[in-house]
Amino acid sequence: MSTTTNDSPTLGQCPDCGTEIATYSVLIEYETADGRPALWAECPECQEVVHPE
C-alpha cells in the first residue's frame, strides 16, 4: 500500500498571486459569527497569509 503526498486537495487560490494553496498550508481555522467555516493559510509562492479564494 502506497500513499502519495502530492495529491492533497487545494483550498483555492491566493488572492494576491493566484497560486493554488494546498490544505497543508492552513494556519488557522475558525467559525464566523454566522456559523460558516473560514480559514487563513500561507501562500507557498508569495508567502503571504491569505484567505484562499
Protein backbone atom coordinates (compact mmCIF):
# COMPACT_ATOMS: atom_id res chain seq x y z
CA MET A 1 0.00 0.00 0.00
CA SER A 2 1.43 3.36 -1.00
CA THR A 3 0.31 6.89 -0.31
CA THR A 4 1.05 9.97 -2.33
CA THR A 5 1.51 13.32 -0.61
CA ASN A 6 1.25 15.26 -3.88
CA ASP A 7 -2.49 14.51 -4.11
CA SER A 8 -3.57 16.79 -1.28
CA PRO A 9 -6.67 18.79 -2.12
CA THR A 10 -6.43 22.50 -2.63
CA LEU A 11 -8.29 25.17 -0.70
CA GLY A 12 -8.37 27.63 -3.58
CA GLN A 13 -6.04 30.26 -4.95
CA CYS A 14 -4.03 33.03 -3.39
CA PRO A 15 -5.88 36.32 -3.98
CA ASP A 16 -2.52 38.09 -4.42
CA CYS A 17 -0.61 35.88 -6.87
CA GLY A 18 -3.09 33.16 -7.99
CA THR A 19 -1.04 30.19 -6.74
CA GLU A 20 -3.02 27.10 -5.67
CA ILE A 21 -2.97 26.67 -1.89
CA ALA A 22 -2.96 23.11 -0.51
CA THR A 23 -4.78 22.05 2.64
CA TYR A 24 -1.49 21.53 4.49
CA SER A 25 -0.88 25.31 4.27
CA VAL A 26 -3.73 26.13 6.70
CA LEU A 27 -2.56 28.21 9.65
CA ILE A 28 -5.88 29.00 11.39
CA GLU A 29 -9.39 27.56 11.02
CA TYR A 30 -12.33 29.28 12.68
CA GLU A 31 -16.08 29.75 12.50
CA THR A 32 -17.55 33.12 11.54
CA ALA A 33 -20.31 34.83 13.54
CA ASP A 34 -22.92 33.40 11.17
CA GLY A 35 -21.59 29.85 11.70
CA ARG A 36 -19.69 29.39 8.44
CA PRO A 37 -16.17 27.95 8.47
CA ALA A 38 -13.29 30.19 7.41
CA LEU A 39 -9.51 29.97 7.43
CA TRP A 40 -6.20 31.68 6.94
CA ALA A 41 -3.42 29.92 5.01
CA GLU A 42 0.12 30.70 3.90
CA CYS A 43 0.68 31.02 0.16
CA PRO A 44 3.65 28.85 -0.85
CA GLU A 45 4.63 31.28 -3.63
CA CYS A 46 4.39 34.80 -2.16
CA GLN A 47 4.45 33.60 1.48
CA GLU A 48 1.60 35.93 2.46
CA VAL A 49 -1.09 34.87 4.93
CA VAL A 50 -4.37 34.97 2.98
CA HIS A 51 -7.99 33.82 2.76
CA PRO A 52 -7.87 31.42 -0.23
CA GLU A 53 -10.43 32.22 -2.95
